[in-house]
Amino acid sequence: MNIKPLYDRVLVKINSPENVTKGGIIIPENTNQEKPQEGTVAAVGTGKLLDDGTIMPLDVKEGDAVLFNKYGGMELSLGDGDYVFLTQNEILGIIE
């Protein structure tokens, strides 16, 4: 399924938390784990629609690793993972 966000919306694939430490210890899944706050931009809209009718391009692009607010956006599950729909304003920063 292909989803194309509209205007200033961004579709971000949520990075799943690591279940194995660097030393090889397996961490069991716990329902009290923190929600991941970073992901990879999967799709972006055309840009923010301004009051004068022009469209301002977005600062993020497909493939960018981003940090986002823990409780922002709308989550959805697709066949290949979990995603969240955000506006560009809900993205805190780009990981370089």
PDB file of N, CA and C in Angstrom:
ATOM      1  N   MET A   1       0.847  -1.175   0.000  1.00  0.00           N
ATOM      2  CA  MET A   1       0.000   0.000   0.000  1.00  0.00           C
ATOM      3  C   MET A   1       0.892   1.238   0.000  1.00  0.00           C
ATOM      4  N   ASN A   2       0.662   2.135  -0.942  1.00  0.00           N
ATOM      5  CA  ASN A   2       1.396   3.393  -0.997  1.00  0.00           C
ATOM      6  C   ASN A   2       0.530   4.503  -0.424  1.00  0.00           C
ATOM      7  N   ILE A   3       1.108   5.311   0.459  1.00  0.00           N
ATOM      8  CA  ILE A   3       0.398   6.431   1.055  1.00  0.00           C
ATOM      9  C   ILE A   3       1.183   7.694   0.736  1.00  0.00           C
ATOM     10  N   LYS A   4       0.519   8.676   0.160  1.00  0.00           N
ATOM     11  CA  LYS A   4       1.140   9.956  -0.155  1.00  0.00           C
ATOM     12  C   LYS A   4       0.558  11.003   0.789  1.00  0.00           C
ATOM     13  N   PRO A   5       1.362  11.535   1.721  1.00  0.00           N
ATOM     14  CA  PRO A   5       0.875  12.574   2.629  1.00  0.00           C
ATOM     15  C   PRO A   5       0.510  13.851   1.865  1.00  0.00           C
ATOM     16  N   LEU A   6      -0.436  14.591   2.404  1.00  0.00           N
ATOM     17  CA  LEU A   6      -0.860  15.841   1.796  1.00  0.00           C
ATOM     18  C   LEU A   6      -0.222  17.028   2.511  1.00  0.00           C
ATOM     19  N   TYR A   7       0.055  18.077   1.752  1.00  0.00           N
ATOM     20  CA  TYR A   7       0.579  19.352   2.250  1.00  0.00           C
ATOM     21  C   TYR A   7       1.772  19.183   3.191  1.00  0.00           C
ATOM     22  N   ASP A   8       1.656  19.605   4.459  1.00  0.00           N
ATOM     23  CA  ASP A   8       2.816  19.577   5.367  1.00  0.00           C
ATOM     24  C   ASP A   8       2.853  18.320   6.237  1.00  0.00           C
ATOM     25  N   ARG A   9       2.187  17.274   5.801  1.00  0.00           N
ATOM     26  CA  ARG A   9       2.200  16.008   6.539  1.00  0.00           C
ATOM     27  C   ARG A   9       3.414  15.178   6.141  1.00  0.00           C
ATOM     28  N   VAL A  10       3.901  14.395   7.107  1.00  0.00           N
ATOM     29  CA  VAL A  10       5.073  13.544   6.899  1.00  0.00           C
ATOM     30  C   VAL A  10       4.758  12.161   7.447  1.00  0.00           C
ATOM     31  N   LEU A  11       5.067  11.120   6.688  1.00  0.00           N
ATOM     32  CA  LEU A  11       4.893   9.746   7.141  1.00  0.00           C
ATOM     33  C   LEU A  11       6.255   9.230   7.591  1.00  0.00           C
ATOM     34  N   VAL A  12       6.362   8.832   8.862  1.00  0.00           N
ATOM     35  CA  VAL A  12       7.629   8.395   9.442  1.00  0.00           C
ATOM     36  C   VAL A  12       7.515   6.943   9.871  1.00  0.00           C
ATOM     37  N   LYS A  13       8.471   6.116   9.434  1.00  0.00           N
ATOM     38  CA  LYS A  13       8.533   4.729   9.889  1.00  0.00           C
ATOM     39  C   LYS A  13       9.257   4.717  11.231  1.00  0.00           C
ATOM     40  N   ILE A  14       8.593   4.192  12.253  1.00  0.00           N
ATOM     41  CA  ILE A  14       9.147   4.190  13.602  1.00  0.00           C
ATOM     42  C   ILE A  14      10.235   3.128  13.698  1.00  0.00           C
ATOM     43  N   ASN A  15      11.400   3.528  14.212  1.00  0.00           N
ATOM     44  CA  ASN A  15      12.484   2.574  14.433  1.00  0.00           C
ATOM     45  C   ASN A  15      12.133   1.705  15.625  1.00  0.00           C
ATOM     46  N   SER A  16      12.251   0.394  15.464  1.00  0.00           N
ATOM     47  CA  SER A  16      11.941  -0.509  16.569  1.00  0.00           C
ATOM     48  C   SER A  16      13.108  -0.516  17.552  1.00  0.00           C
ATOM     49  N   PRO A  17      12.807  -0.602  18.857  1.00  0.00           N
ATOM     50  CA  PRO A  17      13.885  -0.600  19.852  1.00  0.00           C
ATOM     51  C   PRO A  17      14.723  -1.871  19.765  1.00  0.00           C
ATOM     52  N   GLU A  18      15.986  -1.739  20.105  1.00  0.00           N
ATOM     53  CA  GLU A  18      16.897  -2.881  20.091  1.00  0.00           C
ATOM     54  C   GLU A  18      16.501  -3.869  21.188  1.00  0.00           C
ATOM     55  N   ASN A  19      16.451  -5.160  20.852  1.00  0.00           N
ATOM     56  CA  ASN A  19      16.130  -6.188  21.827  1.00  0.00           C
ATOM     57  C   ASN A  19      17.361  -6.941  22.307  1.00  0.00           C
ATOM     58  N   VAL A  20      18.531  -6.595  21.755  1.00  0.00           N
ATOM     59  CA  VAL A  20      19.784  -7.242  22.138  1.00  0.00           C
ATOM     60  C   VAL A  20      20.807  -6.146  22.435  1.00  0.00           C
ATOM     61  N   THR A  21      21.494  -6.255  23.582  1.00  0.00           N
ATOM     62  CA  THR A  21      22.511  -5.265  23.935  1.00  0.00           C
ATOM     63  C   THR A  21      23.786  -5.536  23.141  1.00  0.00           C
ATOM     64  N   LYS A  22      24.737  -4.622  23.208  1.00  0.00           N
ATOM     65  CA  LYS A  22      26.004  -4.802  22.509  1.00  0.00           C
ATOM     66  C   LYS A  22      26.739  -6.043  22.997  1.00  0.00           C
ATOM     67  N   GLY A  23      26.551  -6.407  24.259  1.00  0.00           N
ATOM     68  CA  GLY A  23      27.197  -7.588  24.825  1.00  0.00           C
ATOM     69  C   GLY A  23      26.486  -8.886  24.488  1.00  0.00           C
ATOM     70  N   GLY A  24      25.337  -8.815  23.787  1.00  0.00           N
ATOM     71  CA  GLY A  24      24.628 -10.016  23.369  1.00  0.00           C
ATOM     72  C   GLY A  24      23.511 -10.441  24.308  1.00  0.00           C
ATOM     73  N   ILE A  25      23.199  -9.627  25.309  1.00  0.00           N
ATOM     74  CA  ILE A  25      22.123  -9.974  26.242  1.00  0.00           C
ATOM     75  C   ILE A  25      20.787  -9.631  25.600  1.00  0.00           C
ATOM     76  N   ILE A  26      19.869 -10.585  25.601  1.00  0.00           N
ATOM     77  CA  ILE A  26      18.554 -10.388  25.012  1.00  0.00           C
ATOM     78  C   ILE A  26      17.643  -9.717  26.042  1.00  0.00           C
ATOM     79  N   ILE A  27      17.041  -8.608  25.639  1.00  0.00           N
ATOM     80  CA  ILE A  27      16.133  -7.874  26.521  1.00  0.00           C
ATOM     81  C   ILE A  27      14.713  -8.336  26.219  1.00  0.00           C
ATOM     82  N   PRO A  28      13.980  -8.850  27.226  1.00  0.00           N
ATOM     83  CA  PRO A  28      12.609  -9.305  26.961  1.00  0.00           C
ATOM     84  C   PRO A  28      11.699  -8.120  26.676  1.00  0.00           C
ATOM     85  N   GLU A  29      10.647  -8.379  25.870  1.00  0.00           N
ATOM     86  CA  GLU A  29       9.688  -7.319  25.593  1.00  0.00           C
ATOM     87  C   GLU A  29       8.925  -7.016  26.870  1.00  0.00           C
ATOM     88  N   ASN A  30       8.701  -5.738  27.094  1.00  0.00           N
ATOM     89  CA  ASN A  30       8.029  -5.299  28.304  1.00  0.00           C
ATOM     90  C   ASN A  30       6.957  -4.301  27.898  1.00  0.00           C
ATOM     91  N   THR A  31       5.768  -4.432  28.443  1.00  0.00           N
ATOM     92  CA  THR A  31       4.689  -3.526  28.083  1.00  0.00           C
ATOM     93  C   THR A  31       4.931  -2.122  28.608  1.00  0.00           C
ATOM     94  N   ASN A  32       5.866  -1.960  29.533  1.00  0.00           N
ATOM     95  CA  ASN A  32       6.152  -0.645  30.095  1.00  0.00           C
ATOM     96  C   ASN A  32       7.296   0.069  29.382  1.00  0.00           C
ATOM     97  N   GLN A  33       7.758  -0.462  28.240  1.00  0.00           N
ATOM     98  CA  GLN A  33       8.851   0.178  27.521  1.00  0.00           C
ATOM     99  C   GLN A  33       8.401   1.529  26.979  1.00  0.00           C
ATOM    100  N   GLU A  34       9.347   2.455  26.903  1.00  0.00           N
ATOM    101  CA  GLU A  34       9.082   3.776  26.344  1.00  0.00           C
ATOM    102  C   GLU A  34       8.789   3.655  24.846  1.00  0.00           C
ATOM    103  N   LYS A  35       7.917   4.514  24.346  1.00  0.00           N
ATOM    104  CA  LYS A  35       7.670   4.564  22.920  1.00  0.00           C
ATOM    105  C   LYS A  35       8.902   5.128  22.223  1.00  0.00           C
ATOM    106  N   PRO A  36       9.311   4.555  21.096  1.00  0.00           N
ATOM    107  CA  PRO A  36      10.447   5.118  20.367  1.00  0.00           C
ATOM    108  C   PRO A  36      10.113   6.517  19.882  1.00  0.00           C
ATOM    109  N   GLN A  37      11.121   7.365  19.865  1.00  0.00           N
ATOM    110  CA  GLN A  37      10.918   8.749  19.467  1.00  0.00           C
ATOM    111  C   GLN A  37      11.718   9.106  18.230  1.00  0.00           C
ATOM    112  N   GLU A  38      12.208   8.106  17.540  1.00  0.00           N
ATOM    113  CA  GLU A  38      12.931   8.401  16.309  1.00  0.00           C
ATOM    114  C   GLU A  38      12.509   7.443  15.218  1.00  0.00           C
ATOM    115  N   GLY A  39      12.680   7.901  13.984  1.00  0.00           N
ATOM    116  CA  GLY A  39      12.285   7.086  12.855  1.00  0.00           C
ATOM    117  C   GLY A  39      12.882   7.640  11.577  1.00  0.00           C
ATOM    118  N   THR A  40      12.469   7.033  10.471  1.00  0.00           N
ATOM    119  CA  THR A  40      12.959   7.412   9.158  1.00  0.00           C
ATOM    120  C   THR A  40      11.789   7.914   8.326  1.00  0.00           C
ATOM    121  N   VAL A  41      11.969   9.042   7.666  1.00  0.00           N
ATOM    122  CA  VAL A  41      10.910   9.617   6.851  1.00  0.00           C
ATOM    123  C   VAL A  41      10.670   8.710   5.649  1.00  0.00           C
ATOM    124  N   ALA A  42       9.426   8.239   5.518  1.00  0.00           N
ATOM    125  CA  ALA A  42       9.069   7.350   4.422  1.00  0.00           C
ATOM    126  C   ALA A  42       8.446   8.116   3.253  1.00  0.00           C
ATOM    127  N   ALA A  43       7.702   9.179   3.557  1.00  0.00           N
ATOM    128  CA  ALA A  43       7.065   9.982   2.505  1.00  0.00           C
ATOM    129  C   ALA A  43       6.763  11.367   3.053  1.00  0.00           C
ATOM    130  N   VAL A  44       6.775  12.357   2.166  1.00  0.00           N
ATOM    131  CA  VAL A  44       6.467  13.735   2.562  1.00  0.00           C
ATOM    132  C   VAL A  44       5.431  14.321   1.607  1.00  0.00           C
ATOM    133  N   GLY A  45       4.692  15.298   2.121  1.00  0.00           N
ATOM    134  CA  GLY A  45       3.726  16.005   1.296  1.00  0.00           C
ATOM    135  C   GLY A  45       4.402  17.061   0.437  1.00  0.00           C
ATOM    136  N   THR A  46       3.599  17.837  -0.255  1.00  0.00           N
ATOM    137  CA  THR A  46       4.133  18.837  -1.183  1.00  0.00           C
ATOM    138  C   THR A  46       4.670  20.068  -0.478  1.00  0.00           C
ATOM    139  N   GLY A  47       4.159  20.391   0.708  1.00  0.00           N
ATOM    140  CA  GLY A  47       4.617  21.554   1.451  1.00  0.00           C
ATOM    141  C   GLY A  47       3.467  22.213   2.179  1.00  0.00           C
ATOM    142  N   LYS A  48       3.804  23.203   2.989  1.00  0.00           N
ATOM    143  CA  LYS A  48       2.788  23.897   3.789  1.00  0.00           C
ATOM    144  C   LYS A  48       2.081  24.942   2.941  1.00  0.00           C
ATOM    145  N   LEU A  49       0.748  24.900   2.958  1.00  0.00           N
ATOM    146  CA  LEU A  49      -0.059  25.868   2.232  1.00  0.00           C
ATOM    147  C   LEU A  49      -0.148  27.148   3.055  1.00  0.00           C
ATOM    148  N   LEU A  50       0.352  28.246   2.508  1.00  0.00           N
ATOM    149  CA  LEU A  50       0.354  29.533   3.207  1.00  0.00           C
ATOM    150  C   LEU A  50      -0.935  30.298   2.924  1.00  0.00           C
ATOM    151  N   ASP A  51      -1.183  31.352   3.706  1.00  0.00           N
ATOM    152  CA  ASP A  51      -2.410  32.134   3.578  1.00  0.00           C
ATOM    153  C   ASP A  51      -2.565  32.781   2.200  1.00  0.00           C
ATOM    154  N   ASP A  52      -1.458  33.118   1.562  1.00  0.00           N
ATOM    155  CA  ASP A  52      -1.545  33.758   0.241  1.00  0.00           C
ATOM    156  C   ASP A  52      -1.688  32.749  -0.901  1.00  0.00           C
ATOM    157  N   GLY A  53      -1.796  31.453  -0.564  1.00  0.00           N
ATOM    158  CA  GLY A  53      -2.012  30.421  -1.579  1.00  0.00           C
ATOM    159  C   GLY A  53      -0.747  29.772  -2.098  1.00  0.00           C
ATOM    160  N   THR A  54       0.412  30.264  -1.708  1.00  0.00           N
ATOM    161  CA  THR A  54       1.660  29.643  -2.139  1.00  0.00           C
ATOM    162  C   THR A  54       1.992  28.452  -1.236  1.00  0.00           C
ATOM    163  N   ILE A  55       2.862  27.598  -1.715  1.00  0.00           N
ATOM    164  CA  ILE A  55       3.262  26.415  -0.951  1.00  0.00           C
ATOM    165  C   ILE A  55       4.726  26.542  -0.567  1.00  0.00           C
ATOM    166  N   MET A  56       4.997  26.456   0.741  1.00  0.00           N
ATOM    167  CA  MET A  56       6.366  26.509   1.251  1.00  0.00           C
ATOM    168  C   MET A  56       6.889  25.073   1.350  1.00  0.00           C
ATOM    169  N   PRO A  57       8.005  24.733   0.678  1.00  0.00           N
ATOM    170  CA  PRO A  57       8.527  23.364   0.716  1.00  0.00           C
ATOM    171  C   PRO A  57       8.929  22.954   2.138  1.00  0.00           C
ATOM    172  N   LEU A  58       8.910  21.648   2.388  1.00  0.00           N
ATOM    173  CA  LEU A  58       9.267  21.114   3.702  1.00  0.00           C
ATOM    174  C   LEU A  58      10.783  21.030   3.860  1.00  0.00           C
ATOM    175  N   ASP A  59      11.236  21.058   5.113  1.00  0.00           N
ATOM    176  CA  ASP A  59      12.662  20.958   5.416  1.00  0.00           C
ATOM    177  C   ASP A  59      13.143  19.511   5.439  1.00  0.00           C
ATOM    178  N   VAL A  60      12.231  18.552   5.621  1.00  0.00           N
ATOM    179  CA  VAL A  60      12.617  17.141   5.675  1.00  0.00           C
ATOM    180  C   VAL A  60      12.358  16.503   4.320  1.00  0.00           C
ATOM    181  N   LYS A  61      13.095  15.416   4.053  1.00  0.00           N
ATOM    182  CA  LYS A  61      12.908  14.679   2.805  1.00  0.00           C
ATOM    183  C   LYS A  61      12.922  13.188   3.100  1.00  0.00           C
ATOM    184  N   GLU A  62      12.506  12.398   2.143  1.00  0.00           N
ATOM    185  CA  GLU A  62      12.480  10.953   2.318  1.00  0.00           C
ATOM    186  C   GLU A  62      13.875  10.444   2.651  1.00  0.00           C
ATOM    187  N   GLY A  63      13.944   9.533   3.631  1.00  0.00           N
ATOM    188  CA  GLY A  63      15.218   8.959   4.031  1.00  0.00           C
ATOM    189  C   GLY A  63      15.862   9.641   5.214  1.00  0.00           C
ATOM    190  N   ASP A  64      15.396  10.836   5.597  1.00  0.00           N
ATOM    191  CA  ASP A  64      15.958  11.533   6.764  1.00  0.00           C
ATOM    192  C   ASP A  64      15.622  10.784   8.052  1.00  0.00           C
ATOM    193  N   ALA A  65      16.594  10.691   8.948  1.00  0.00           N
ATOM    194  CA  ALA A  65      16.351  10.160  10.291  1.00  0.00           C
ATOM    195  C   ALA A  65      15.920  11.339  11.157  1.00  0.00           C
ATOM    196  N   VAL A  66      14.783  11.210  11.842  1.00  0.00           N
ATOM    197  CA  VAL A  66      14.222  12.330  12.588  1.00  0.00           C
ATOM    198  C   VAL A  66      13.853  11.938  14.015  1.00  0.00           C
ATOM    199  N   LEU A  67      13.823  12.953  14.872  1.00  0.00           N
ATOM    200  CA  LEU A  67      13.299  12.831  16.228  1.00  0.00           C
ATOM    201  C   LEU A  67      11.930  13.491  16.242  1.00  0.00           C
ATOM    202  N   PHE A  68      10.975  12.863  16.945  1.00  0.00           N
ATOM    203  CA  PHE A  68       9.647  13.449  17.008  1.00  0.00           C
ATOM    204  C   PHE A  68       9.088  13.326  18.410  1.00  0.00           C
ATOM    205  N   ASN A  69       8.047  14.105  18.677  1.00  0.00           N
ATOM    206  CA  ASN A  69       7.400  14.121  19.975  1.00  0.00           C
ATOM    207  C   ASN A  69       6.784  12.760  20.274  1.00  0.00           C
ATOM    208  N   LYS A  70       6.955  12.292  21.489  1.00  0.00           N
ATOM    209  CA  LYS A  70       6.510  10.964  21.890  1.00  0.00           C
ATOM    210  C   LYS A  70       5.014  10.742  21.680  1.00  0.00           C
ATOM    211  N   TYR A  71       4.206  11.747  21.932  1.00  0.00           N
ATOM    212  CA  TYR A  71       2.757  11.569  21.865  1.00  0.00           C
ATOM    213  C   TYR A  71       2.113  12.325  20.707  1.00  0.00           C
ATOM    214  N   GLY A  72       2.886  12.688  19.709  1.00  0.00           N
ATOM    215  CA  GLY A  72       2.342  13.429  18.579  1.00  0.00           C
ATOM    216  C   GLY A  72       1.914  12.506  17.450  1.00  0.00           C
ATOM    217  N   GLY A  73       1.145  13.047  16.541  1.00  0.00           N
ATOM    218  CA  GLY A  73       0.790  12.348  15.321  1.00  0.00           C
ATOM    219  C   GLY A  73      -0.243  11.256  15.481  1.00  0.00           C
ATOM    220  N   MET A  74      -0.466  10.548  14.381  1.00  0.00           N
ATOM    221  CA  MET A  74      -1.415   9.448  14.341  1.00  0.00           C
ATOM    222  C   MET A  74      -0.666   8.185  13.929  1.00  0.00           C
ATOM    223  N   GLU A  75      -0.705   7.168  14.776  1.00  0.00           N
ATOM    224  CA  GLU A  75       0.015   5.925  14.496  1.00  0.00           C
ATOM    225  C   GLU A  75      -0.820   5.000  13.629  1.00  0.00           C
ATOM    226  N   LEU A  76      -0.130   4.235  12.765  1.00  0.00           N
ATOM    227  CA  LEU A  76      -0.789   3.196  12.009  1.00  0.00           C
ATOM    228  C   LEU A  76       0.201   2.084  11.716  1.00  0.00           C
ATOM    229  N   SER A  77      -0.325   0.878  11.560  1.00  0.00           N
ATOM    230  CA  SER A  77       0.516  -0.283  11.269  1.00  0.00           C
ATOM    231  C   SER A  77       0.269  -0.725   9.840  1.00  0.00           C
ATOM    232  N   LEU A  78       1.347  -0.881   9.100  1.00  0.00           N
ATOM    233  CA  LEU A  78       1.282  -1.424   7.744  1.00  0.00           C
ATOM    234  C   LEU A  78       2.031  -2.741   7.753  1.00  0.00           C
ATOM    235  N   GLY A  79       2.043  -3.451   6.652  1.00  0.00           N
ATOM    236  CA  GLY A  79       2.655  -4.770   6.591  1.00  0.00           C
ATOM    237  C   GLY A  79       4.111  -4.823   6.995  1.00  0.00           C
ATOM    238  N   ASP A  80       4.881  -3.775   6.710  1.00  0.00           N
ATOM    239  CA  ASP A  80       6.318  -3.827   6.975  1.00  0.00           C
ATOM    240  C   ASP A  80       6.744  -3.052   8.212  1.00  0.00           C
ATOM    241  N   GLY A  81       5.812  -2.646   9.075  1.00  0.00           N
ATOM    242  CA  GLY A  81       6.208  -1.960  10.299  1.00  0.00           C
ATOM    243  C   GLY A  81       5.176  -0.963  10.790  1.00  0.00           C
ATOM    244  N   ASP A  82       5.568  -0.227  11.825  1.00  0.00           N
ATOM    245  CA  ASP A  82       4.705   0.791  12.416  1.00  0.00           C
ATOM    246  C   ASP A  82       5.122   2.165  11.905  1.00  0.00           C
ATOM    247  N   TYR A  83       4.126   2.996  11.635  1.00  0.00           N
ATOM    248  CA  TYR A  83       4.349   4.329  11.103  1.00  0.00           C
ATOM    249  C   TYR A  83       3.602   5.345  11.945  1.00  0.00           C
ATOM    250  N   VAL A  84       3.974   6.607  11.790  1.00  0.00           N
ATOM    251  CA  VAL A  84       3.257   7.702  12.431  1.00  0.00           C
ATOM    252  C   VAL A  84       3.148   8.846  11.426  1.00  0.00           C
ATOM    253  N   PHE A  85       1.929   9.423  11.325  1.00  0.00           N
ATOM    254  CA  PHE A  85       1.699  10.609  10.515  1.00  0.00           C
ATOM    255  C   PHE A  85       1.930  11.820  11.391  1.00  0.00           C
ATOM    256  N   LEU A  86       2.775  12.733  10.962  1.00  0.00           N
ATOM    257  CA  LEU A  86       3.091  13.947  11.708  1.00  0.00           C
ATOM    258  C   LEU A  86       2.974  15.148  10.783  1.00  0.00           C
ATOM    259  N   THR A  87       2.805  16.324  11.378  1.00  0.00           N
ATOM    260  CA  THR A  87       3.020  17.545  10.607  1.00  0.00           C
ATOM    261  C   THR A  87       4.492  17.898  10.783  1.00  0.00           C
ATOM    262  N   GLN A  88       5.026  18.713   9.895  1.00  0.00           N
ATOM    263  CA  GLN A  88       6.432  19.071  10.027  1.00  0.00           C
ATOM    264  C   GLN A  88       6.703  19.753  11.367  1.00  0.00           C
ATOM    265  N   ASN A  89       5.720  20.481  11.911  1.00  0.00           N
ATOM    266  CA  ASN A  89       5.895  21.161  13.193  1.00  0.00           C
ATOM    267  C   ASN A  89       6.089  20.193  14.359  1.00  0.00           C
ATOM    268  N   GLU A  90       5.622  18.951  14.230  1.00  0.00           N
ATOM    269  CA  GLU A  90       5.773  17.955  15.297  1.00  0.00           C
ATOM    270  C   GLU A  90       7.124  17.258  15.263  1.00  0.00           C
ATOM    271  N   ILE A  91       7.897  17.474  14.205  1.00  0.00           N
ATOM    272  CA  ILE A  91       9.234  16.896  14.113  1.00  0.00           C
ATOM    273  C   ILE A  91      10.197  17.823  14.855  1.00  0.00           C
ATOM    274  N   LEU A  92      10.944  17.256  15.803  1.00  0.00           N
ATOM    275  CA  LEU A  92      11.830  18.051  16.642  1.00  0.00           C
ATOM    276  C   LEU A  92      13.159  18.350  15.963  1.00  0.00           C
ATOM    277  N   GLY A  93      13.657  17.422  15.153  1.00  0.00           N
ATOM    278  CA  GLY A  93      14.929  17.638  14.500  1.00  0.00           C
ATOM    279  C   GLY A  93      15.324  16.501  13.580  1.00  0.00           C
ATOM    280  N   ILE A  94      16.336  16.755  12.775  1.00  0.00           N
ATOM    281  CA  ILE A  94      16.882  15.764  11.856  1.00  0.00           C
ATOM    282  C   ILE A  94      18.174  15.237  12.443  1.00  0.00           C
ATOM    283  N   ILE A  95      18.326  13.915  12.501  1.00  0.00           N
ATOM    284  CA  ILE A  95      19.542  13.285  13.027  1.00  0.00           C
ATOM    285  C   ILE A  95      20.559  13.208  11.896  1.00  0.00           C
ATOM    286  N   GLU A  96      21.741  13.793  12.122  1.00  0.00           N
ATOM    287  CA  GLU A  96      22.781  13.766  11.075  1.00  0.00           C
ATOM    288  C   GLU A  96      23.867  12.773  11.404  1.00  0.00           C
TER     289      GLU A  96
END
